[in-house]
Amino acid sequence: MAPNIATNTSVELDELPAFVRPRHRAARVRHGRSATRVTPERWGPVATGGFPANLAPGS
């Protein structure tokens, strides 16, 4: 089983981020691409055991 951590994060969705070069902007719009910025606010210790995530409710 791979190591896991528990995190509390904030997430921002940017439909057309400023860092995209002008020639790529049209392609991003055409393909419906966006950028997701994830900012960890708190995190817990690395765990290598415990309840398998794929069996958790809602997974």
C-alpha atoms as a PDB file:
ATOM      1  CA  MET A   1       0.000   0.000   0.000  1.00  0.00           C
ATOM      2  CA  ALA A   2       1.311   3.455  -0.887  1.00  0.00           C
ATOM      3  CA  PRO A   3       1.873   6.092   1.805  1.00  0.00           C
ATOM      4  CA  ASN A   4      -1.053   8.488   2.410  1.00  0.00           C
ATOM      5  CA  ILE A   5      -1.513  11.795   4.198  1.00  0.00           C
ATOM      6  CA  ALA A   6      -4.654  13.587   5.340  1.00  0.00           C
ATOM      7  CA  THR A   7      -4.915  17.203   4.164  1.00  0.00           C
ATOM      8  CA  ASN A   8      -7.147  20.228   4.492  1.00  0.00           C
ATOM      9  CA  THR A   9      -6.838  22.314   1.352  1.00  0.00           C
ATOM     10  CA  SER A  10      -8.304  25.201  -0.534  1.00  0.00           C
ATOM     11  CA  VAL A  11      -8.833  24.778  -4.269  1.00  0.00           C
ATOM     12  CA  GLU A  12      -9.104  27.395  -6.998  1.00  0.00           C
ATOM     13  CA  LEU A  13     -10.278  26.648 -10.513  1.00  0.00           C
ATOM     14  CA  ASP A  14      -8.891  29.017 -13.142  1.00  0.00           C
ATOM     15  CA  GLU A  15     -10.574  28.635 -16.534  1.00  0.00           C
ATOM     16  CA  LEU A  16      -7.901  30.573 -18.428  1.00  0.00           C
ATOM     17  CA  PRO A  17      -4.843  31.229 -16.240  1.00  0.00           C
ATOM     18  CA  ALA A  18      -2.542  34.135 -17.046  1.00  0.00           C
ATOM     19  CA  PHE A  19       0.522  31.876 -17.345  1.00  0.00           C
ATOM     20  CA  VAL A  20      -0.820  30.234 -20.522  1.00  0.00           C
ATOM     21  CA  ARG A  21       1.004  31.441 -23.631  1.00  0.00           C
ATOM     22  CA  PRO A  22      -1.235  33.271 -26.116  1.00  0.00           C
ATOM     23  CA  ARG A  23      -0.891  30.593 -28.819  1.00  0.00           C
ATOM     24  CA  HIS A  24      -2.073  27.912 -26.385  1.00  0.00           C
ATOM     25  CA  ARG A  25      -5.067  29.877 -25.084  1.00  0.00           C
ATOM     26  CA  ALA A  26      -7.327  29.021 -28.046  1.00  0.00           C
ATOM     27  CA  ALA A  27      -6.509  25.309 -27.753  1.00  0.00           C
ATOM     28  CA  ARG A  28      -7.260  25.329 -24.004  1.00  0.00           C
ATOM     29  CA  VAL A  29     -10.644  26.936 -24.655  1.00  0.00           C
ATOM     30  CA  ARG A  30     -11.412  24.543 -27.520  1.00  0.00           C
ATOM     31  CA  HIS A  31     -10.609  21.471 -25.399  1.00  0.00           C
ATOM     32  CA  GLY A  32     -12.292  22.791 -22.237  1.00  0.00           C
ATOM     33  CA  ARG A  33      -9.068  22.762 -20.231  1.00  0.00           C
ATOM     34  CA  SER A  34      -8.612  24.599 -16.958  1.00  0.00           C
ATOM     35  CA  ALA A  35      -5.998  24.815 -14.215  1.00  0.00           C
ATOM     36  CA  THR A  36      -6.577  23.677 -10.644  1.00  0.00           C
ATOM     37  CA  ARG A  37      -4.514  25.331  -7.918  1.00  0.00           C
ATOM     38  CA  VAL A  38      -4.438  23.301  -4.682  1.00  0.00           C
ATOM     39  CA  THR A  39      -3.084  24.996  -1.560  1.00  0.00           C
ATOM     40  CA  PRO A  40      -2.503  22.706   1.440  1.00  0.00           C
ATOM     41  CA  GLU A  41      -3.478  24.485   4.665  1.00  0.00           C
ATOM     42  CA  ARG A  42      -2.868  21.623   7.100  1.00  0.00           C
ATOM     43  CA  TRP A  43      -1.647  18.084   6.725  1.00  0.00           C
ATOM     44  CA  GLY A  44      -1.263  15.049   8.890  1.00  0.00           C
ATOM     45  CA  PRO A  45       1.508  12.504   9.211  1.00  0.00           C
ATOM     46  CA  VAL A  46       2.339  10.026   6.468  1.00  0.00           C
ATOM     47  CA  ALA A  47       0.552   6.713   7.028  1.00  0.00           C
ATOM     48  CA  THR A  48       1.281   3.436   5.267  1.00  0.00           C
ATOM     49  CA  GLY A  49      -1.517   1.328   6.657  1.00  0.00           C
ATOM     50  CA  GLY A  50      -5.063   1.702   7.848  1.00  0.00           C
ATOM     51  CA  PHE A  51      -8.342   1.494   6.010  1.00  0.00           C
ATOM     52  CA  PRO A  52      -7.906   1.148   2.205  1.00  0.00           C
ATOM     53  CA  ALA A  53      -9.050   4.349   0.488  1.00  0.00           C
ATOM     54  CA  ASN A  54     -10.754   2.454  -2.337  1.00  0.00           C
ATOM     55  CA  LEU A  55     -13.128   0.854   0.198  1.00  0.00           C
ATOM     56  CA  ALA A  56     -14.083   4.112   1.931  1.00  0.00           C
ATOM     57  CA  PRO A  57     -17.689   5.273   1.629  1.00  0.00           C
ATOM     58  CA  GLY A  58     -18.175   7.452  -1.435  1.00  0.00           C
ATOM     59  CA  SER A  59     -15.112   6.195  -3.295  1.00  0.00           C
END
